[in-house]
Amino acid sequence: MIELTLQQRQTVAQSKETPPRAVDPDTDTTYVLIQEEVYIRLKKVLLDEEESSLLRDTYPYAMEVFGREGWDDPAMDIYNDLDPRRQS
């Protein structure tokens, strides 16, 4: 972990940018400084979104399998009508 110097802490505190940014002059890479609690929440949101995306990517394959198993049979439509979550 990198510890900020007194001068760096003062610069961050006085920064008008929210969140403050830091630049590595050797690589010209910009870093965004956020509190760890914010990072943890953001990371969770991003991971949840990634997992949701991965799940959505499986839908076409699942539907293909369901179709082969007979779920595409028009006689199965009766189950759609019985779904209590569907509005009439």
N, C-alpha and C. Protein backbone atom coordinates (compact mmCIF):
# COMPACT_ATOMS: atom_id res chain seq x y z
N MET A 1 0.85 -1.17 0.00
CA MET A 1 0.00 0.00 0.00
C MET A 1 0.90 1.24 0.00
N ILE A 2 0.47 2.25 -0.71
CA ILE A 2 1.20 3.51 -0.78
C ILE A 2 0.59 4.46 0.24
N GLU A 3 1.43 5.10 1.04
CA GLU A 3 0.94 6.11 1.98
C GLU A 3 1.19 7.49 1.39
N LEU A 4 0.17 8.32 1.46
CA LEU A 4 0.30 9.69 0.95
C LEU A 4 1.15 10.51 1.90
N THR A 5 1.97 11.37 1.32
CA THR A 5 2.76 12.30 2.13
C THR A 5 1.83 13.41 2.63
N LEU A 6 2.32 14.22 3.56
CA LEU A 6 1.53 15.33 4.07
C LEU A 6 1.14 16.26 2.92
N GLN A 7 2.08 16.55 2.05
CA GLN A 7 1.80 17.45 0.92
C GLN A 7 0.73 16.83 0.01
N GLN A 8 0.81 15.52 -0.24
CA GLN A 8 -0.18 14.86 -1.10
C GLN A 8 -1.56 14.88 -0.44
N ARG A 9 -1.62 14.64 0.87
CA ARG A 9 -2.91 14.68 1.57
C ARG A 9 -3.52 16.06 1.50
N GLN A 10 -2.71 17.08 1.65
CA GLN A 10 -3.20 18.45 1.56
C GLN A 10 -3.71 18.75 0.15
N THR A 11 -2.97 18.28 -0.85
CA THR A 11 -3.38 18.50 -2.24
C THR A 11 -4.71 17.81 -2.52
N VAL A 12 -4.87 16.58 -2.04
CA VAL A 12 -6.14 15.86 -2.22
C VAL A 12 -7.26 16.60 -1.51
N ALA A 13 -7.02 17.05 -0.30
CA ALA A 13 -8.05 17.75 0.47
C ALA A 13 -8.46 19.06 -0.19
N GLN A 14 -7.52 19.72 -0.86
CA GLN A 14 -7.81 21.01 -1.50
C GLN A 14 -8.28 20.86 -2.94
N SER A 15 -8.23 19.65 -3.46
CA SER A 15 -8.59 19.42 -4.86
C SER A 15 -10.05 19.77 -5.11
N LYS A 16 -10.30 20.43 -6.21
CA LYS A 16 -11.68 20.75 -6.60
C LYS A 16 -12.28 19.61 -7.42
N GLU A 17 -11.43 18.67 -7.86
CA GLU A 17 -11.92 17.50 -8.60
C GLU A 17 -12.49 16.50 -7.61
N THR A 18 -13.63 15.92 -7.97
CA THR A 18 -14.20 14.87 -7.14
C THR A 18 -14.54 13.70 -8.03
N PRO A 19 -13.95 12.57 -7.84
CA PRO A 19 -12.84 12.31 -6.92
C PRO A 19 -11.53 12.86 -7.49
N PRO A 20 -10.56 13.08 -6.61
CA PRO A 20 -9.28 13.61 -7.07
C PRO A 20 -8.55 12.59 -7.93
N ARG A 21 -7.70 13.10 -8.79
CA ARG A 21 -6.92 12.23 -9.68
C ARG A 21 -5.44 12.46 -9.44
N ALA A 22 -4.66 11.43 -9.72
CA ALA A 22 -3.21 11.52 -9.62
C ALA A 22 -2.62 11.00 -10.93
N VAL A 23 -1.55 11.63 -11.37
CA VAL A 23 -0.92 11.24 -12.63
C VAL A 23 0.49 10.73 -12.36
N ASP A 24 0.84 9.60 -12.97
CA ASP A 24 2.20 9.09 -12.94
C ASP A 24 2.91 9.71 -14.13
N PRO A 25 3.84 10.64 -13.89
CA PRO A 25 4.47 11.34 -15.00
C PRO A 25 5.34 10.44 -15.89
N ASP A 26 5.82 9.33 -15.34
CA ASP A 26 6.65 8.43 -16.14
C ASP A 26 5.84 7.69 -17.20
N THR A 27 4.60 7.32 -16.84
CA THR A 27 3.77 6.53 -17.77
C THR A 27 2.60 7.33 -18.32
N ASP A 28 2.39 8.52 -17.79
CA ASP A 28 1.26 9.37 -18.15
C ASP A 28 -0.07 8.67 -17.86
N THR A 29 -0.07 7.80 -16.85
CA THR A 29 -1.26 7.08 -16.42
C THR A 29 -1.95 7.89 -15.33
N THR A 30 -3.28 8.04 -15.48
CA THR A 30 -4.05 8.77 -14.48
C THR A 30 -4.76 7.77 -13.57
N TYR A 31 -4.72 8.03 -12.29
CA TYR A 31 -5.39 7.21 -11.29
C TYR A 31 -6.46 8.04 -10.62
N VAL A 32 -7.56 7.42 -10.28
CA VAL A 32 -8.65 8.08 -9.58
C VAL A 32 -8.59 7.64 -8.12
N LEU A 33 -8.59 8.60 -7.22
CA LEU A 33 -8.51 8.28 -5.80
C LEU A 33 -9.90 8.29 -5.19
N ILE A 34 -10.33 7.12 -4.72
CA ILE A 34 -11.63 7.03 -4.05
C ILE A 34 -11.44 6.32 -2.71
N GLN A 35 -12.36 6.57 -1.80
CA GLN A 35 -12.29 5.90 -0.50
C GLN A 35 -12.51 4.40 -0.69
N GLU A 36 -11.88 3.63 0.18
CA GLU A 36 -11.98 2.17 0.07
C GLU A 36 -13.42 1.68 0.14
N GLU A 37 -14.25 2.29 0.97
CA GLU A 37 -15.65 1.87 1.09
C GLU A 37 -16.37 2.05 -0.24
N VAL A 38 -16.08 3.15 -0.93
CA VAL A 38 -16.69 3.41 -2.23
C VAL A 38 -16.21 2.37 -3.24
N TYR A 39 -14.90 2.09 -3.21
CA TYR A 39 -14.33 1.09 -4.12
C TYR A 39 -14.99 -0.28 -3.91
N ILE A 40 -15.18 -0.67 -2.67
CA ILE A 40 -15.78 -1.98 -2.37
C ILE A 40 -17.20 -2.05 -2.91
N ARG A 41 -17.98 -0.99 -2.72
CA ARG A 41 -19.35 -0.97 -3.25
C ARG A 41 -19.35 -0.99 -4.77
N LEU A 42 -18.48 -0.20 -5.37
CA LEU A 42 -18.39 -0.15 -6.83
C LEU A 42 -17.96 -1.49 -7.40
N LYS A 43 -17.00 -2.11 -6.78
CA LYS A 43 -16.53 -3.42 -7.22
C LYS A 43 -17.66 -4.44 -7.18
N LYS A 44 -18.46 -4.41 -6.12
CA LYS A 44 -19.58 -5.34 -6.00
C LYS A 44 -20.58 -5.12 -7.13
N VAL A 45 -20.89 -3.86 -7.43
CA VAL A 45 -21.83 -3.55 -8.51
C VAL A 45 -21.29 -4.06 -9.84
N LEU A 46 -20.02 -3.80 -10.09
CA LEU A 46 -19.42 -4.22 -11.36
C LEU A 46 -19.38 -5.74 -11.48
N LEU A 47 -19.06 -6.42 -10.40
CA LEU A 47 -19.02 -7.89 -10.44
C LEU A 47 -20.42 -8.45 -10.63
N ASP A 48 -21.42 -7.86 -9.94
CA ASP A 48 -22.79 -8.32 -10.11
C ASP A 48 -23.24 -8.13 -11.55
N GLU A 49 -22.87 -7.00 -12.14
CA GLU A 49 -23.24 -6.72 -13.53
C GLU A 49 -22.57 -7.72 -14.46
N GLU A 50 -21.30 -8.02 -14.19
CA GLU A 50 -20.56 -8.98 -15.03
C GLU A 50 -21.20 -10.36 -14.93
N GLU A 51 -21.56 -10.77 -13.72
CA GLU A 51 -22.20 -12.07 -13.53
C GLU A 51 -23.55 -12.10 -14.23
N SER A 52 -24.30 -11.00 -14.14
CA SER A 52 -25.60 -10.93 -14.81
C SER A 52 -25.42 -11.03 -16.32
N SER A 53 -24.39 -10.38 -16.82
CA SER A 53 -24.11 -10.42 -18.26
C SER A 53 -23.76 -11.84 -18.68
N LEU A 54 -22.97 -12.52 -17.87
CA LEU A 54 -22.61 -13.90 -18.19
C LEU A 54 -23.84 -14.78 -18.20
N LEU A 55 -24.74 -14.55 -17.25
CA LEU A 55 -25.97 -15.32 -17.19
C LEU A 55 -26.83 -15.06 -18.43
N ARG A 56 -26.96 -13.78 -18.82
CA ARG A 56 -27.74 -13.44 -20.01
C ARG A 56 -27.16 -14.10 -21.26
N ASP A 57 -25.84 -14.26 -21.30
CA ASP A 57 -25.20 -14.88 -22.46
C ASP A 57 -25.59 -16.35 -22.60
N THR A 58 -26.05 -16.96 -21.51
CA THR A 58 -26.43 -18.38 -21.58
C THR A 58 -27.86 -18.57 -22.06
N TYR A 59 -28.68 -17.52 -22.08
CA TYR A 59 -30.08 -17.65 -22.45
C TYR A 59 -30.29 -18.31 -23.80
N PRO A 60 -29.61 -17.88 -24.87
CA PRO A 60 -29.88 -18.51 -26.18
C PRO A 60 -29.61 -20.02 -26.16
N TYR A 61 -28.57 -20.43 -25.45
CA TYR A 61 -28.24 -21.86 -25.39
C TYR A 61 -29.29 -22.63 -24.60
N ALA A 62 -29.75 -22.02 -23.50
CA ALA A 62 -30.79 -22.66 -22.70
C ALA A 62 -32.07 -22.80 -23.51
N MET A 63 -32.43 -21.75 -24.23
CA MET A 63 -33.66 -21.80 -25.02
C MET A 63 -33.55 -22.85 -26.13
N GLU A 64 -32.37 -23.02 -26.67
CA GLU A 64 -32.16 -24.06 -27.70
C GLU A 64 -32.40 -25.44 -27.11
N VAL A 65 -31.86 -25.67 -25.93
CA VAL A 65 -32.05 -26.96 -25.26
C VAL A 65 -33.53 -27.16 -24.92
N PHE A 66 -34.17 -26.12 -24.39
CA PHE A 66 -35.58 -26.23 -24.05
C PHE A 66 -36.40 -26.57 -25.29
N GLY A 67 -36.06 -25.94 -26.40
CA GLY A 67 -36.78 -26.21 -27.66
C GLY A 67 -36.65 -27.66 -28.08
N ARG A 68 -35.45 -28.20 -27.95
CA ARG A 68 -35.23 -29.61 -28.32
C ARG A 68 -36.00 -30.54 -27.40
N GLU A 69 -36.24 -30.09 -26.17
CA GLU A 69 -36.94 -30.93 -25.19
C GLU A 69 -38.45 -30.82 -25.31
N GLY A 70 -38.93 -30.04 -26.27
CA GLY A 70 -40.36 -29.98 -26.50
C GLY A 70 -41.04 -28.75 -25.95
N TRP A 71 -40.29 -27.83 -25.40
CA TRP A 71 -40.91 -26.64 -24.82
C TRP A 71 -41.48 -25.72 -25.89
N ASP A 72 -41.05 -25.90 -27.14
CA ASP A 72 -41.59 -25.09 -28.24
C ASP A 72 -42.93 -25.63 -28.75
N ASP A 73 -43.32 -26.77 -28.26
CA ASP A 73 -44.58 -27.38 -28.70
C ASP A 73 -45.73 -26.45 -28.32
N PRO A 74 -46.60 -26.10 -29.27
CA PRO A 74 -47.73 -25.20 -28.97
C PRO A 74 -48.59 -25.69 -27.81
N ALA A 75 -48.63 -26.99 -27.56
CA ALA A 75 -49.42 -27.52 -26.45
C ALA A 75 -48.87 -27.03 -25.10
N MET A 76 -47.61 -26.62 -25.08
CA MET A 76 -47.00 -26.14 -23.84
C MET A 76 -47.43 -24.71 -23.51
N ASP A 77 -48.06 -24.01 -24.45
CA ASP A 77 -48.47 -22.62 -24.22
C ASP A 77 -49.45 -22.48 -23.06
N ILE A 78 -50.15 -23.54 -22.75
CA ILE A 78 -51.09 -23.51 -21.64
C ILE A 78 -50.39 -23.10 -20.34
N TYR A 79 -49.11 -23.48 -20.20
CA TYR A 79 -48.37 -23.15 -18.99
C TYR A 79 -48.11 -21.65 -18.89
N ASN A 80 -47.98 -20.99 -20.05
CA ASN A 80 -47.82 -19.53 -20.02
C ASN A 80 -49.07 -18.87 -19.44
N ASP A 81 -50.23 -19.41 -19.80
CA ASP A 81 -51.49 -18.85 -19.31
C ASP A 81 -51.68 -19.08 -17.81
N LEU A 82 -51.04 -20.09 -17.27
CA LEU A 82 -51.17 -20.41 -15.86
C LEU A 82 -50.18 -19.66 -14.97
N ASP A 83 -49.26 -18.95 -15.57
CA ASP A 83 -48.24 -18.23 -14.82
C ASP A 83 -48.89 -17.08 -14.04
N PRO A 84 -48.87 -17.12 -12.70
CA PRO A 84 -49.52 -16.08 -11.91
C PRO A 84 -48.84 -14.72 -12.04
N ARG A 85 -47.61 -14.69 -12.50
CA ARG A 85 -46.90 -13.42 -12.65
C ARG A 85 -47.33 -12.67 -13.90
N ARG A 86 -47.95 -13.37 -14.85
CA ARG A 86 -48.40 -12.72 -16.10
C ARG A 86 -49.68 -11.98 -15.85
N GLN A 87 -49.76 -10.81 -16.41
CA GLN A 87 -51.00 -10.04 -16.32
C GLN A 87 -51.85 -10.35 -17.51
N SER A 88 -53.14 -10.44 -17.28
CA SER A 88 -54.08 -10.77 -18.36
C SER A 88 -54.24 -9.62 -19.31
